[in-house]
């Protein structure tokens, strides 16, 4: 398993995305969180096809911090069931990964 992850969540507003991004970085759970959007999402929720504008947060973190990242997103998120998906970082520049390590502390 990779030592590093990109954790993705989506939010209903830019303000919510910024709030989650700032909390993850302030708590040293992520070295960096990029906020992108708006995007158009189409999904099934409570047996209905829905569509909405959302913003994406992509957090760079270590795998050993995933549980805390997930708890923080749940704590701050407005959705009942927020998207929280972790994707392993299989390669990265040594300098960047060293910086990520230095920023994400226990």
PDB file of N, CA and C in Angstrom:
ATOM      1  N   UNK A   1       0.847  -1.191   0.000  1.00  0.00           N
ATOM      2  CA  UNK A   1       0.000   0.000   0.000  1.00  0.00           C
ATOM      3  C   UNK A   1       0.887   1.246   0.000  1.00  0.00           C
ATOM      4  N   UNK A   2       0.426   2.273  -0.661  1.00  0.00           N
ATOM      5  CA  UNK A   2       1.151   3.535  -0.735  1.00  0.00           C
ATOM      6  C   UNK A   2       1.157   4.227   0.623  1.00  0.00           C
ATOM      7  N   UNK A   3       2.231   4.941   0.905  1.00  0.00           N
ATOM      8  CA  UNK A   3       2.307   5.734   2.134  1.00  0.00           C
ATOM      9  C   UNK A   3       1.547   7.044   2.017  1.00  0.00           C
ATOM     10  N   UNK A   4       1.195   7.430   0.781  1.00  0.00           N
ATOM     11  CA  UNK A   4       0.573   8.729   0.520  1.00  0.00           C
ATOM     12  C   UNK A   4      -0.737   8.559  -0.223  1.00  0.00           C
ATOM     13  N   UNK A   5      -1.672   9.492   0.042  1.00  0.00           N
ATOM     14  CA  UNK A   5      -3.000   9.445  -0.569  1.00  0.00           C
ATOM     15  C   UNK A   5      -3.415  10.816  -1.068  1.00  0.00           C
ATOM     16  N   UNK A   6      -4.306  10.804  -2.064  1.00  0.00           N
ATOM     17  CA  UNK A   6      -5.131  11.956  -2.390  1.00  0.00           C
ATOM     18  C   UNK A   6      -6.535  11.589  -1.932  1.00  0.00           C
ATOM     19  N   UNK A   7      -7.098  12.401  -1.057  1.00  0.00           N
ATOM     20  CA  UNK A   7      -8.446  12.154  -0.552  1.00  0.00           C
ATOM     21  C   UNK A   7      -9.366  13.192  -1.183  1.00  0.00           C
ATOM     22  N   UNK A   8     -10.441  12.689  -1.788  1.00  0.00           N
ATOM     23  CA  UNK A   8     -11.360  13.553  -2.537  1.00  0.00           C
ATOM     24  C   UNK A   8     -12.713  13.591  -1.839  1.00  0.00           C
ATOM     25  N   UNK A   9     -13.271  14.799  -1.735  1.00  0.00           N
ATOM     26  CA  UNK A   9     -14.651  14.968  -1.317  1.00  0.00           C
ATOM     27  C   UNK A   9     -15.257  16.075  -2.168  1.00  0.00           C
ATOM     28  N   UNK A  10     -16.576  16.102  -2.250  1.00  0.00           N
ATOM     29  CA  UNK A  10     -17.276  17.173  -2.958  1.00  0.00           C
ATOM     30  C   UNK A  10     -18.196  17.877  -1.973  1.00  0.00           C
ATOM     31  N   UNK A  11     -18.449  19.158  -2.231  1.00  0.00           N
ATOM     32  CA  UNK A  11     -19.291  19.963  -1.350  1.00  0.00           C
ATOM     33  C   UNK A  11     -20.317  20.737  -2.167  1.00  0.00           C
ATOM     34  N   UNK A  12     -21.331  21.227  -1.478  1.00  0.00           N
ATOM     35  CA  UNK A  12     -22.400  21.982  -2.137  1.00  0.00           C
ATOM     36  C   UNK A  12     -22.043  23.448  -2.373  1.00  0.00           C
ATOM     37  N   UNK A  13     -20.997  23.929  -1.697  1.00  0.00           N
ATOM     38  CA  UNK A  13     -20.645  25.341  -1.858  1.00  0.00           C
ATOM     39  C   UNK A  13     -19.135  25.535  -1.801  1.00  0.00           C
ATOM     40  N   UNK A  14     -18.695  26.625  -2.403  1.00  0.00           N
ATOM     41  CA  UNK A  14     -17.280  26.990  -2.356  1.00  0.00           C
ATOM     42  C   UNK A  14     -16.868  27.261  -0.917  1.00  0.00           C
ATOM     43  N   UNK A  15     -17.730  27.889  -0.152  1.00  0.00           N
ATOM     44  CA  UNK A  15     -17.431  28.202   1.245  1.00  0.00           C
ATOM     45  C   UNK A  15     -17.207  26.931   2.066  1.00  0.00           C
ATOM     46  N   UNK A  16     -18.039  25.911   1.864  1.00  0.00           N
ATOM     47  CA  UNK A  16     -17.875  24.641   2.570  1.00  0.00           C
ATOM     48  C   UNK A  16     -16.560  23.980   2.170  1.00  0.00           C
ATOM     49  N   UNK A  17     -16.236  24.014   0.872  1.00  0.00           N
ATOM     50  CA  UNK A  17     -14.977  23.433   0.400  1.00  0.00           C
ATOM     51  C   UNK A  17     -13.792  24.135   1.040  1.00  0.00           C
ATOM     52  N   UNK A  18     -13.837  25.457   1.095  1.00  0.00           N
ATOM     53  CA  UNK A  18     -12.755  26.225   1.720  1.00  0.00           C
ATOM     54  C   UNK A  18     -12.639  25.916   3.209  1.00  0.00           C
ATOM     55  N   UNK A  19     -13.760  25.771   3.874  1.00  0.00           N
ATOM     56  CA  UNK A  19     -13.769  25.459   5.303  1.00  0.00           C
ATOM     57  C   UNK A  19     -13.103  24.114   5.578  1.00  0.00           C
ATOM     58  N   UNK A  20     -13.459  23.110   4.801  1.00  0.00           N
ATOM     59  CA  UNK A  20     -12.859  21.783   4.955  1.00  0.00           C
ATOM     60  C   UNK A  20     -11.371  21.838   4.616  1.00  0.00           C
ATOM     61  N   UNK A  21     -11.021  22.515   3.535  1.00  0.00           N
ATOM     62  CA  UNK A  21      -9.619  22.622   3.129  1.00  0.00           C
ATOM     63  C   UNK A  21      -8.786  23.271   4.232  1.00  0.00           C
ATOM     64  N   UNK A  22      -9.259  24.377   4.761  1.00  0.00           N
ATOM     65  CA  UNK A  22      -8.511  25.083   5.810  1.00  0.00           C
ATOM     66  C   UNK A  22      -8.365  24.234   7.072  1.00  0.00           C
ATOM     67  N   UNK A  23      -9.424  23.551   7.457  1.00  0.00           N
ATOM     68  CA  UNK A  23      -9.362  22.718   8.662  1.00  0.00           C
ATOM     69  C   UNK A  23      -8.352  21.589   8.488  1.00  0.00           C
ATOM     70  N   UNK A  24      -8.350  20.938   7.340  1.00  0.00           N
ATOM     71  CA  UNK A  24      -7.412  19.836   7.121  1.00  0.00           C
ATOM     72  C   UNK A  24      -5.966  20.316   7.163  1.00  0.00           C
ATOM     73  N   UNK A  25      -5.703  21.476   6.585  1.00  0.00           N
ATOM     74  CA  UNK A  25      -4.335  22.011   6.593  1.00  0.00           C
ATOM     75  C   UNK A  25      -3.977  22.538   7.982  1.00  0.00           C
ATOM     76  N   UNK A  26      -4.884  23.264   8.634  1.00  0.00           N
ATOM     77  CA  UNK A  26      -4.601  23.793   9.974  1.00  0.00           C
ATOM     78  C   UNK A  26      -4.339  22.681  10.985  1.00  0.00           C
ATOM     79  N   UNK A  27      -5.061  21.582  10.870  1.00  0.00           N
ATOM     80  CA  UNK A  27      -4.887  20.455  11.795  1.00  0.00           C
ATOM     81  C   UNK A  27      -3.720  19.553  11.392  1.00  0.00           C
ATOM     82  N   UNK A  28      -3.016  19.932  10.335  1.00  0.00           N
ATOM     83  CA  UNK A  28      -1.878  19.174   9.802  1.00  0.00           C
ATOM     84  C   UNK A  28      -2.261  17.760   9.386  1.00  0.00           C
ATOM     85  N   UNK A  29      -3.492  17.620   8.906  1.00  0.00           N
ATOM     86  CA  UNK A  29      -3.965  16.348   8.370  1.00  0.00           C
ATOM     87  C   UNK A  29      -3.708  16.247   6.876  1.00  0.00           C
ATOM     88  N   UNK A  30      -3.489  17.375   6.229  1.00  0.00           N
ATOM     89  CA  UNK A  30      -3.176  17.431   4.804  1.00  0.00           C
ATOM     90  C   UNK A  30      -2.122  18.501   4.584  1.00  0.00           C
ATOM     91  N   UNK A  31      -1.214  18.231   3.663  1.00  0.00           N
ATOM     92  CA  UNK A  31      -0.197  19.220   3.327  1.00  0.00           C
ATOM     93  C   UNK A  31      -0.780  20.308   2.437  1.00  0.00           C
ATOM     94  N   UNK A  32      -1.728  19.917   1.606  1.00  0.00           N
ATOM     95  CA  UNK A  32      -2.319  20.818   0.626  1.00  0.00           C
ATOM     96  C   UNK A  32      -3.711  20.293   0.282  1.00  0.00           C
ATOM     97  N   UNK A  33      -4.650  21.202   0.103  1.00  0.00           N
ATOM     98  CA  UNK A  33      -5.973  20.824  -0.398  1.00  0.00           C
ATOM     99  C   UNK A  33      -6.298  21.764  -1.545  1.00  0.00           C
ATOM    100  N   UNK A  34      -6.535  21.194  -2.701  1.00  0.00           N
ATOM    101  CA  UNK A  34      -6.920  21.989  -3.859  1.00  0.00           C
ATOM    102  C   UNK A  34      -8.439  21.972  -3.971  1.00  0.00           C
ATOM    103  N   UNK A  35      -9.008  23.157  -4.180  1.00  0.00           N
ATOM    104  CA  UNK A  35     -10.454  23.304  -4.349  1.00  0.00           C
ATOM    105  C   UNK A  35     -10.712  23.652  -5.806  1.00  0.00           C
ATOM    106  N   UNK A  36     -11.544  22.847  -6.466  1.00  0.00           N
ATOM    107  CA  UNK A  36     -11.870  23.041  -7.882  1.00  0.00           C
ATOM    108  C   UNK A  36     -13.377  23.124  -8.043  1.00  0.00           C
ATOM    109  N   UNK A  37     -13.800  23.850  -9.036  1.00  0.00           N
ATOM    110  CA  UNK A  37     -15.223  23.895  -9.319  1.00  0.00           C
ATOM    111  C   UNK A  37     -15.645  25.269  -9.785  1.00  0.00           C
ATOM    112  N   UNK A  38     -16.906  25.420 -10.014  1.00  0.00           N
ATOM    113  CA  UNK A  38     -17.934  24.411  -9.806  1.00  0.00           C
ATOM    114  C   UNK A  38     -17.916  23.335 -10.901  1.00  0.00           C
ATOM    115  N   UNK A  39     -18.430  22.174 -10.522  1.00  0.00           N
ATOM    116  CA  UNK A  39     -18.627  21.065 -11.448  1.00  0.00           C
ATOM    117  C   UNK A  39     -20.104  20.697 -11.415  1.00  0.00           C
ATOM    118  N   UNK A  40     -20.563  20.014 -12.427  1.00  0.00           N
ATOM    119  CA  UNK A  40     -21.937  19.511 -12.453  1.00  0.00           C
ATOM    120  C   UNK A  40     -21.914  18.031 -12.102  1.00  0.00           C
ATOM    121  N   UNK A  41     -22.675  17.642 -11.091  1.00  0.00           N
ATOM    122  CA  UNK A  41     -22.758  16.244 -10.674  1.00  0.00           C
ATOM    123  C   UNK A  41     -24.159  15.714 -10.904  1.00  0.00           C
ATOM    124  N   UNK A  42     -24.241  14.485 -11.379  1.00  0.00           N
ATOM    125  CA  UNK A  42     -25.509  13.782 -11.565  1.00  0.00           C
ATOM    126  C   UNK A  42     -25.395  12.491 -10.772  1.00  0.00           C
ATOM    127  N   UNK A  43     -26.378  12.198  -9.913  1.00  0.00           N
ATOM    128  CA  UNK A  43     -26.281  11.055  -9.020  1.00  0.00           C
ATOM    129  C   UNK A  43     -27.672  10.611  -8.574  1.00  0.00           C
ATOM    130  N   UNK A  44     -27.745   9.412  -8.034  1.00  0.00           N
ATOM    131  CA  UNK A  44     -29.000   8.920  -7.480  1.00  0.00           C
ATOM    132  C   UNK A  44     -28.953   9.131  -5.972  1.00  0.00           C
ATOM    133  N   UNK A  45     -29.990   9.770  -5.423  1.00  0.00           N
ATOM    134  CA  UNK A  45     -30.091   9.985  -3.982  1.00  0.00           C
ATOM    135  C   UNK A  45     -31.537   9.762  -3.567  1.00  0.00           C
ATOM    136  N   UNK A  46     -31.740   8.891  -2.604  1.00  0.00           N
ATOM    137  CA  UNK A  46     -33.067   8.548  -2.100  1.00  0.00           C
ATOM    138  C   UNK A  46     -34.015   8.191  -3.252  1.00  0.00           C
ATOM    139  N   UNK A  47     -33.489   7.342  -4.127  1.00  0.00           N
ATOM    140  CA  UNK A  47     -34.210   6.778  -5.271  1.00  0.00           C
ATOM    141  C   UNK A  47     -34.660   7.805  -6.307  1.00  0.00           C
ATOM    142  N   UNK A  48     -34.009   8.946  -6.336  1.00  0.00           N
ATOM    143  CA  UNK A  48     -34.284   9.978  -7.341  1.00  0.00           C
ATOM    144  C   UNK A  48     -32.975  10.331  -8.045  1.00  0.00           C
ATOM    145  N   UNK A  49     -33.077  10.650  -9.331  1.00  0.00           N
ATOM    146  CA  UNK A  49     -31.919  11.162 -10.055  1.00  0.00           C
ATOM    147  C   UNK A  49     -31.831  12.652  -9.763  1.00  0.00           C
ATOM    148  N   UNK A  50     -30.695  13.059  -9.244  1.00  0.00           N
ATOM    149  CA  UNK A  50     -30.462  14.455  -8.853  1.00  0.00           C
ATOM    150  C   UNK A  50     -29.324  15.030  -9.678  1.00  0.00           C
ATOM    151  N   UNK A  51     -29.279  16.332  -9.764  1.00  0.00           N
ATOM    152  CA  UNK A  51     -28.117  17.016 -10.330  1.00  0.00           C
ATOM    153  C   UNK A  51     -27.885  18.291  -9.531  1.00  0.00           C
ATOM    154  N   UNK A  52     -26.626  18.637  -9.387  1.00  0.00           N
ATOM    155  CA  UNK A  52     -26.287  19.838  -8.623  1.00  0.00           C
ATOM    156  C   UNK A  52     -24.891  20.311  -8.994  1.00  0.00           C
ATOM    157  N   UNK A  53     -24.616  21.551  -8.653  1.00  0.00           N
ATOM    158  CA  UNK A  53     -23.270  22.083  -8.773  1.00  0.00           C
ATOM    159  C   UNK A  53     -22.539  21.762  -7.482  1.00  0.00           C
ATOM    160  N   UNK A  54     -21.298  21.343  -7.627  1.00  0.00           N
ATOM    161  CA  UNK A  54     -20.488  21.023  -6.458  1.00  0.00           C
ATOM    162  C   UNK A  54     -19.066  21.531  -6.664  1.00  0.00           C
ATOM    163  N   UNK A  55     -18.295  21.504  -5.576  1.00  0.00           N
ATOM    164  CA  UNK A  55     -16.886  21.840  -5.583  1.00  0.00           C
ATOM    165  C   UNK A  55     -16.119  20.620  -5.094  1.00  0.00           C
ATOM    166  N   UNK A  56     -14.952  20.395  -5.659  1.00  0.00           N
ATOM    167  CA  UNK A  56     -14.117  19.249  -5.311  1.00  0.00           C
ATOM    168  C   UNK A  56     -12.970  19.704  -4.415  1.00  0.00           C
ATOM    169  N   UNK A  57     -12.740  18.966  -3.340  1.00  0.00           N
ATOM    170  CA  UNK A  57     -11.549  19.139  -2.509  1.00  0.00           C
ATOM    171  C   UNK A  57     -10.658  17.920  -2.734  1.00  0.00           C
ATOM    172  N   UNK A  58      -9.411  18.161  -3.078  1.00  0.00           N
ATOM    173  CA  UNK A  58      -8.441  17.086  -3.238  1.00  0.00           C
ATOM    174  C   UNK A  58      -7.320  17.334  -2.238  1.00  0.00           C
ATOM    175  N   UNK A  59      -7.261  16.498  -1.206  1.00  0.00           N
ATOM    176  CA  UNK A  59      -6.293  16.657  -0.119  1.00  0.00           C
ATOM    177  C   UNK A  59      -5.133  15.696  -0.312  1.00  0.00           C
ATOM    178  N   UNK A  60      -3.916  16.204  -0.147  1.00  0.00           N
ATOM    179  CA  UNK A  60      -2.714  15.361  -0.191  1.00  0.00           C
ATOM    180  C   UNK A  60      -2.316  15.063   1.240  1.00  0.00           C
ATOM    181  N   UNK A  61      -2.219  13.770   1.572  1.00  0.00           N
ATOM    182  CA  UNK A  61      -1.950  13.376   2.944  1.00  0.00           C
ATOM    183  C   UNK A  61      -1.188  12.066   2.984  1.00  0.00           C
ATOM    184  N   UNK A  62      -0.892  11.619   4.191  1.00  0.00           N
ATOM    185  CA  UNK A  62      -0.276  10.303   4.388  1.00  0.00           C
ATOM    186  C   UNK A  62      -1.370   9.298   4.699  1.00  0.00           C
ATOM    187  N   UNK A  63      -1.131   8.060   4.313  1.00  0.00           N
ATOM    188  CA  UNK A  63      -2.127   7.004   4.518  1.00  0.00           C
ATOM    189  C   UNK A  63      -2.449   6.814   5.998  1.00  0.00           C
ATOM    190  N   UNK A  64      -1.468   7.002   6.865  1.00  0.00           N
ATOM    191  CA  UNK A  64      -1.717   6.810   8.297  1.00  0.00           C
ATOM    192  C   UNK A  64      -2.598   7.887   8.914  1.00  0.00           C
ATOM    193  N   UNK A  65      -2.919   8.932   8.173  1.00  0.00           N
ATOM    194  CA  UNK A  65      -3.789  10.006   8.668  1.00  0.00           C
ATOM    195  C   UNK A  65      -5.199   9.933   8.089  1.00  0.00           C
ATOM    196  N   UNK A  66      -5.467   8.914   7.246  1.00  0.00           N
ATOM    197  CA  UNK A  66      -6.760   8.848   6.574  1.00  0.00           C
ATOM    198  C   UNK A  66      -7.930   8.865   7.559  1.00  0.00           C
ATOM    199  N   UNK A  67      -7.871   8.096   8.629  1.00  0.00           N
ATOM    200  CA  UNK A  67      -8.978   8.051   9.587  1.00  0.00           C
ATOM    201  C   UNK A  67      -9.325   9.417  10.137  1.00  0.00           C
ATOM    202  N   UNK A  68      -8.306  10.217  10.468  1.00  0.00           N
ATOM    203  CA  UNK A  68      -8.539  11.563  10.994  1.00  0.00           C
ATOM    204  C   UNK A  68      -9.069  12.507   9.914  1.00  0.00           C
ATOM    205  N   UNK A  69      -8.573  12.339   8.692  1.00  0.00           N
ATOM    206  CA  UNK A  69      -9.087  13.139   7.572  1.00  0.00           C
ATOM    207  C   UNK A  69     -10.572  12.829   7.378  1.00  0.00           C
ATOM    208  N   UNK A  70     -10.907  11.557   7.373  1.00  0.00           N
ATOM    209  CA  UNK A  70     -12.303  11.152   7.194  1.00  0.00           C
ATOM    210  C   UNK A  70     -13.184  11.715   8.315  1.00  0.00           C
ATOM    211  N   UNK A  71     -12.747  11.609   9.555  1.00  0.00           N
ATOM    212  CA  UNK A  71     -13.534  12.138  10.682  1.00  0.00           C
ATOM    213  C   UNK A  71     -13.729  13.652  10.575  1.00  0.00           C
ATOM    214  N   UNK A  72     -12.678  14.358  10.167  1.00  0.00           N
ATOM    215  CA  UNK A  72     -12.775  15.816  10.032  1.00  0.00           C
ATOM    216  C   UNK A  72     -13.758  16.198   8.937  1.00  0.00           C
ATOM    217  N   UNK A  73     -13.711  15.508   7.810  1.00  0.00           N
ATOM    218  CA  UNK A  73     -14.659  15.796   6.727  1.00  0.00           C
ATOM    219  C   UNK A  73     -16.083  15.555   7.220  1.00  0.00           C
ATOM    220  N   UNK A  74     -16.325  14.423   7.885  1.00  0.00           N
ATOM    221  CA  UNK A  74     -17.668  14.152   8.426  1.00  0.00           C
ATOM    222  C   UNK A  74     -18.099  15.228   9.417  1.00  0.00           C
ATOM    223  N   UNK A  75     -17.194  15.666  10.243  1.00  0.00           N
ATOM    224  CA  UNK A  75     -17.495  16.685  11.262  1.00  0.00           C
ATOM    225  C   UNK A  75     -17.947  18.003  10.637  1.00  0.00           C
ATOM    226  N   UNK A  76     -17.317  18.389   9.536  1.00  0.00           N
ATOM    227  CA  UNK A  76     -17.554  19.714   8.953  1.00  0.00           C
ATOM    228  C   UNK A  76     -18.518  19.721   7.777  1.00  0.00           C
ATOM    229  N   UNK A  77     -18.783  18.566   7.202  1.00  0.00           N
ATOM    230  CA  UNK A  77     -19.542  18.480   5.951  1.00  0.00           C
ATOM    231  C   UNK A  77     -21.036  18.626   6.192  1.00  0.00           C
ATOM    232  N   UNK A  78     -21.723  19.207   5.228  1.00  0.00           N
ATOM    233  CA  UNK A  78     -23.175  19.399   5.339  1.00  0.00           C
ATOM    234  C   UNK A  78     -23.970  18.210   4.795  1.00  0.00           C
ATOM    235  N   UNK A  79     -23.339  17.313   4.029  1.00  0.00           N
ATOM    236  CA  UNK A  79     -24.067  16.176   3.456  1.00  0.00           C
ATOM    237  C   UNK A  79     -24.247  15.064   4.488  1.00  0.00           C
ATOM    238  N   UNK A  80     -25.354  14.322   4.374  1.00  0.00           N
ATOM    239  CA  UNK A  80     -25.565  13.136   5.209  1.00  0.00           C
ATOM    240  C   UNK A  80     -24.513  12.072   4.914  1.00  0.00           C
ATOM    241  N   UNK A  81     -24.218  11.892   3.626  1.00  0.00           N
ATOM    242  CA  UNK A  81     -23.257  10.876   3.192  1.00  0.00           C
ATOM    243  C   UNK A  81     -22.279  11.530   2.209  1.00  0.00           C
ATOM    244  N   UNK A  82     -21.263  12.216   2.726  1.00  0.00           N
ATOM    245  CA  UNK A  82     -20.325  12.872   1.812  1.00  0.00           C
ATOM    246  C   UNK A  82     -19.447  11.862   1.090  1.00  0.00           C
ATOM    247  N   UNK A  83     -19.102  12.206  -0.128  1.00  0.00           N
ATOM    248  CA  UNK A  83     -18.105  11.425  -0.858  1.00  0.00           C
ATOM    249  C   UNK A  83     -16.772  11.588  -0.141  1.00  0.00           C
ATOM    250  N   UNK A  84     -16.150  10.481   0.223  1.00  0.00           N
ATOM    251  CA  UNK A  84     -14.792  10.492   0.766  1.00  0.00           C
ATOM    252  C   UNK A  84     -14.088   9.296   0.140  1.00  0.00           C
ATOM    253  N   UNK A  85     -13.231   9.583  -0.826  1.00  0.00           N
ATOM    254  CA  UNK A  85     -12.536   8.538  -1.575  1.00  0.00           C
ATOM    255  C   UNK A  85     -11.041   8.812  -1.492  1.00  0.00           C
ATOM    256  N   UNK A  86     -10.282   7.776  -1.158  1.00  0.00           N
ATOM    257  CA  UNK A  86      -8.828   7.892  -1.107  1.00  0.00           C
ATOM    258  C   UNK A  86      -8.213   7.146  -2.283  1.00  0.00           C
ATOM    259  N   UNK A  87      -7.299   7.816  -2.957  1.00  0.00           N
ATOM    260  CA  UNK A  87      -6.589   7.244  -4.092  1.00  0.00           C
ATOM    261  C   UNK A  87      -5.103   7.237  -3.745  1.00  0.00           C
ATOM    262  N   UNK A  88      -4.433   6.093  -3.863  1.00  0.00           N
ATOM    263  CA  UNK A  88      -3.010   6.061  -3.523  1.00  0.00           C
ATOM    264  C   UNK A  88      -2.172   6.884  -4.492  1.00  0.00           C
ATOM    265  N   UNK A  89      -1.180   7.545  -3.951  1.00  0.00           N
ATOM    266  CA  UNK A  89      -0.171   8.220  -4.767  1.00  0.00           C
ATOM    267  C   UNK A  89       0.931   7.183  -4.971  1.00  0.00           C
ATOM    268  N   UNK A  90       1.053   6.677  -6.174  1.00  0.00           N
ATOM    269  CA  UNK A  90       1.986   5.581  -6.427  1.00  0.00           C
ATOM    270  C   UNK A  90       3.398   6.067  -6.739  1.00  0.00           C
ATOM    271  N   UNK A  91       3.530   7.328  -7.100  1.00  0.00           N
ATOM    272  CA  UNK A  91       4.852   7.900  -7.355  1.00  0.00           C
ATOM    273  C   UNK A  91       4.754   9.405  -7.187  1.00  0.00           C
ATOM    274  N   UNK A  92       5.865  10.015  -6.824  1.00  0.00           N
ATOM    275  CA  UNK A  92       5.928  11.465  -6.676  1.00  0.00           C
ATOM    276  C   UNK A  92       7.367  11.887  -6.533  1.00  0.00           C
ATOM    277  N   UNK A  93       7.644  13.145  -6.780  1.00  0.00           N
ATOM    278  CA  UNK A  93       9.021  13.608  -6.638  1.00  0.00           C
ATOM    279  C   UNK A  93       9.439  13.510  -5.172  1.00  0.00           C
ATOM    280  N   UNK A  94      10.681  13.157  -4.947  1.00  0.00           N
ATOM    281  CA  UNK A  94      11.197  13.011  -3.585  1.00  0.00           C
ATOM    282  C   UNK A  94      11.049  14.311  -2.810  1.00  0.00           C
ATOM    283  N   UNK A  95      11.321  15.440  -3.441  1.00  0.00           N
ATOM    284  CA  UNK A  95      11.206  16.735  -2.757  1.00  0.00           C
ATOM    285  C   UNK A  95       9.778  17.011  -2.316  1.00  0.00           C
ATOM    286  N   UNK A  96       8.807  16.740  -3.209  1.00  0.00           N
ATOM    287  CA  UNK A  96       7.407  16.992  -2.871  1.00  0.00           C
ATOM    288  C   UNK A  96       6.956  16.080  -1.734  1.00  0.00           C
ATOM    289  N   UNK A  97       7.296  14.804  -1.798  1.00  0.00           N
ATOM    290  CA  UNK A  97       6.869  13.869  -0.758  1.00  0.00           C
ATOM    291  C   UNK A  97       7.541  14.186   0.579  1.00  0.00           C
ATOM    292  N   UNK A  98       8.771  14.665   0.559  1.00  0.00           N
ATOM    293  CA  UNK A  98       9.429  15.102   1.801  1.00  0.00           C
ATOM    294  C   UNK A  98       8.703  16.308   2.385  1.00  0.00           C
ATOM    295  N   UNK A  99       8.296  17.244   1.515  1.00  0.00           N
ATOM    296  CA  UNK A  99       7.532  18.408   1.978  1.00  0.00           C
ATOM    297  C   UNK A  99       6.197  17.957   2.566  1.00  0.00           C
ATOM    298  N   UNK A 100       5.515  17.019   1.885  1.00  0.00           N
ATOM    299  CA  UNK A 100       4.241  16.502   2.382  1.00  0.00           C
ATOM    300  C   UNK A 100       4.433  15.894   3.782  1.00  0.00           C
ATOM    301  N   UNK A 101       5.474  15.081   3.940  1.00  0.00           N
ATOM    302  CA  UNK A 101       5.770  14.485   5.256  1.00  0.00           C
ATOM    303  C   UNK A 101       5.957  15.547   6.330  1.00  0.00           C
ATOM    304  N   UNK A 102       6.694  16.589   5.992  1.00  0.00           N
ATOM    305  CA  UNK A 102       6.993  17.649   6.963  1.00  0.00           C
ATOM    306  C   UNK A 102       5.743  18.422   7.376  1.00  0.00           C
ATOM    307  N   UNK A 103       4.769  18.528   6.476  1.00  0.00           N
ATOM    308  CA  UNK A 103       3.557  19.303   6.754  1.00  0.00           C
ATOM    309  C   UNK A 103       2.500  18.502   7.496  1.00  0.00           C
ATOM    310  N   UNK A 104       2.468  17.202   7.297  1.00  0.00           N
ATOM    311  CA  UNK A 104       1.453  16.331   7.901  1.00  0.00           C
ATOM    312  C   UNK A 104       2.121  15.643   9.085  1.00  0.00           C
ATOM    313  N   UNK A 105       1.817  16.132  10.275  1.00  0.00           N
ATOM    314  CA  UNK A 105       2.453  15.611  11.484  1.00  0.00           C
ATOM    315  C   UNK A 105       1.445  14.958  12.397  1.00  0.00           C
ATOM    316  N   UNK A 106       1.941  14.077  13.234  1.00  0.00           N
ATOM    317  CA  UNK A 106       1.112  13.438  14.262  1.00  0.00           C
ATOM    318  C   UNK A 106       0.978  14.374  15.441  1.00  0.00           C
TER     319      UNK A 106
END
